[in-house]
Amino acid sequence: MSIDRNAALYGRVINWDDLQREELRPGVRRAAYGTNEVMLVMNELEAGMQLNPHVHDDFDQLAYILEGEADYYIGDEAHRMAPGSILLVPAGKHHHIQPTTARVLNLDIFVPPRADLLHLLEWIGPAPAT
């Protein structure tokens, strides 16, 4: 039985700082918030982290920088990003991010939610009883 995340989140105020983080690899931690339709993944990145070029074949990704600066690569092309910068990463394009400051907060937006990251939403729990 799938969780109705929308119903479980209605009326709940969530603070990113209260969410459990997953350490993906040294220098990369993440937490997520998501409904049935969209997923937000907050990535905390450190300079010198292991880079991870990868590709998503079947969905676009929006990357938004909240803190710090980074070069965001799509293929071999670097895009300098700073707080307030947003970048569309098209489906099927190799990409990765490389921090150029000590710390970067990068918010990724996925529509629909990424199936391989649904474990990050387990904190939401079942929908409240009505």
Protein backbone atom coordinates (compact mmCIF):
# COMPACT_ATOMS: atom_id res chain seq x y z
CA MET A 1 0.00 0.00 0.00
CA SER A 2 1.48 3.35 -0.99
CA ILE A 3 1.52 6.36 1.30
CA ASP A 4 -0.62 9.35 0.34
CA ARG A 5 2.12 11.89 1.04
CA ASN A 6 -0.12 14.83 0.15
CA ALA A 7 -2.64 13.96 2.89
CA ALA A 8 0.14 13.25 5.39
CA LEU A 9 1.71 16.67 4.78
CA TYR A 10 -1.35 18.93 4.72
CA GLY A 11 -1.10 21.43 7.57
CA ARG A 12 2.42 20.31 8.64
CA VAL A 13 5.23 22.83 8.80
CA ILE A 14 8.58 21.16 8.23
CA ASN A 15 12.05 22.63 8.80
CA TRP A 16 14.91 21.25 6.72
CA ASP A 17 17.14 21.35 9.81
CA ASP A 18 14.84 18.83 11.54
CA LEU A 19 15.02 16.21 8.79
CA GLN A 20 17.34 13.22 9.07
CA ARG A 21 20.28 13.43 6.67
CA GLU A 22 21.66 10.64 4.54
CA GLU A 23 25.41 10.70 3.97
CA LEU A 24 25.79 9.66 0.37
CA ARG A 25 29.60 9.80 0.39
CA PRO A 26 32.16 11.93 2.25
CA GLY A 27 31.30 15.59 1.72
CA VAL A 28 27.75 14.92 0.47
CA ARG A 29 24.69 14.81 2.72
CA ARG A 30 21.05 15.06 1.69
CA ALA A 31 17.49 15.18 2.96
CA ALA A 32 14.20 15.27 1.07
CA TYR A 33 10.66 16.60 1.14
CA GLY A 34 8.11 15.39 -1.34
CA THR A 35 4.49 15.01 -2.23
CA ASN A 36 2.89 12.51 -4.57
CA GLU A 37 3.83 14.82 -7.48
CA VAL A 38 7.17 16.50 -6.68
CA MET A 39 10.38 15.84 -4.72
CA LEU A 40 12.79 18.41 -3.26
CA VAL A 41 16.24 17.13 -2.30
CA MET A 42 18.51 19.39 -0.26
CA ASN A 43 22.17 18.54 -0.86
CA GLU A 44 24.83 19.78 1.54
CA LEU A 45 28.12 19.72 -0.35
CA GLU A 46 31.70 20.34 0.76
CA ALA A 47 34.65 21.47 -1.32
CA GLY A 48 36.86 18.53 -2.24
CA MET A 49 33.98 16.05 -2.24
CA GLN A 50 34.17 13.07 -4.58
CA LEU A 51 32.56 14.09 -7.86
CA ASN A 52 29.82 11.89 -9.31
CA PRO A 53 29.11 12.44 -13.01
CA HIS A 54 25.83 10.67 -13.81
CA VAL A 55 22.76 10.80 -16.03
CA HIS A 56 18.99 10.52 -15.59
CA ASP A 57 17.51 9.16 -18.80
CA ASP A 58 13.83 9.68 -18.09
CA PHE A 59 13.37 12.98 -16.23
CA ASP A 60 14.66 16.55 -16.09
CA GLN A 61 16.21 18.02 -12.96
CA LEU A 62 16.13 21.58 -11.68
CA ALA A 63 19.13 22.63 -9.58
CA TYR A 64 18.89 25.72 -7.34
CA ILE A 65 21.78 27.10 -5.27
CA LEU A 66 20.89 28.55 -1.87
CA GLU A 67 24.37 28.98 -0.38
CA GLY A 68 27.93 28.96 -1.66
CA GLU A 69 29.22 28.75 -5.21
CA ALA A 70 29.77 25.84 -7.55
CA ASP A 71 30.48 24.88 -11.11
CA TYR A 72 27.62 22.76 -12.40
CA TYR A 73 28.63 20.70 -15.38
CA ILE A 74 26.28 19.54 -18.10
CA GLY A 75 28.46 17.40 -20.29
CA ASP A 76 31.82 19.21 -20.43
CA GLU A 77 30.31 22.69 -20.08
CA ALA A 78 30.69 24.36 -16.68
CA HIS A 79 28.00 26.76 -15.44
CA ARG A 80 29.07 28.99 -12.53
CA MET A 81 26.29 29.06 -9.94
CA ALA A 82 25.86 31.24 -6.86
CA PRO A 83 22.99 31.85 -4.43
CA GLY A 84 19.80 32.38 -6.42
CA SER A 85 21.06 30.54 -9.53
CA ILE A 86 18.81 27.91 -11.07
CA LEU A 87 19.72 25.52 -13.88
CA LEU A 88 17.72 23.01 -15.90
CA VAL A 89 19.51 19.69 -16.35
CA PRO A 90 17.82 17.95 -19.29
CA ALA A 91 17.04 14.25 -19.19
CA GLY A 92 19.75 12.18 -20.83
CA LYS A 93 22.60 14.64 -20.17
CA HIS A 94 25.62 13.69 -18.05
CA HIS A 95 26.01 16.20 -15.21
CA HIS A 96 27.71 16.83 -11.88
CA ILE A 97 28.36 19.65 -9.44
CA GLN A 98 31.74 20.81 -8.11
CA PRO A 99 31.74 23.22 -5.15
CA THR A 100 34.09 26.20 -5.47
CA THR A 101 33.46 27.39 -1.89
CA ALA A 102 33.79 25.45 1.36
CA ARG A 103 30.05 24.70 1.59
CA VAL A 104 27.25 24.63 -0.96
CA LEU A 105 23.53 24.12 -0.39
CA ASN A 106 21.97 22.80 -3.59
CA LEU A 107 18.23 22.13 -3.83
CA ASP A 108 17.27 19.66 -6.57
CA ILE A 109 13.69 19.48 -7.79
CA PHE A 110 12.29 16.35 -9.47
CA VAL A 111 8.90 15.91 -11.11
CA PRO A 112 7.76 13.22 -10.60
CA PRO A 113 9.56 12.10 -7.42
CA ARG A 114 12.60 9.93 -8.10
CA ALA A 115 11.78 6.30 -7.38
CA ASP A 116 15.37 5.59 -6.27
CA LEU A 117 15.15 8.32 -3.61
CA LEU A 118 11.75 7.50 -2.12
CA HIS A 119 13.51 6.07 0.97
CA LEU A 120 14.36 9.69 1.87
CA LEU A 121 10.62 10.34 2.34
CA GLU A 122 9.97 7.55 4.86
CA TRP A 123 9.84 10.17 7.65
CA ILE A 124 6.50 11.37 6.29
CA GLY A 125 4.75 8.19 7.43
CA PRO A 126 1.20 7.16 6.63
CA ALA A 127 -1.57 9.61 5.91
CA PRO A 128 -3.41 10.81 9.03
CA ALA A 129 -6.70 9.08 9.82
CA THR A 130 -9.79 11.02 8.87
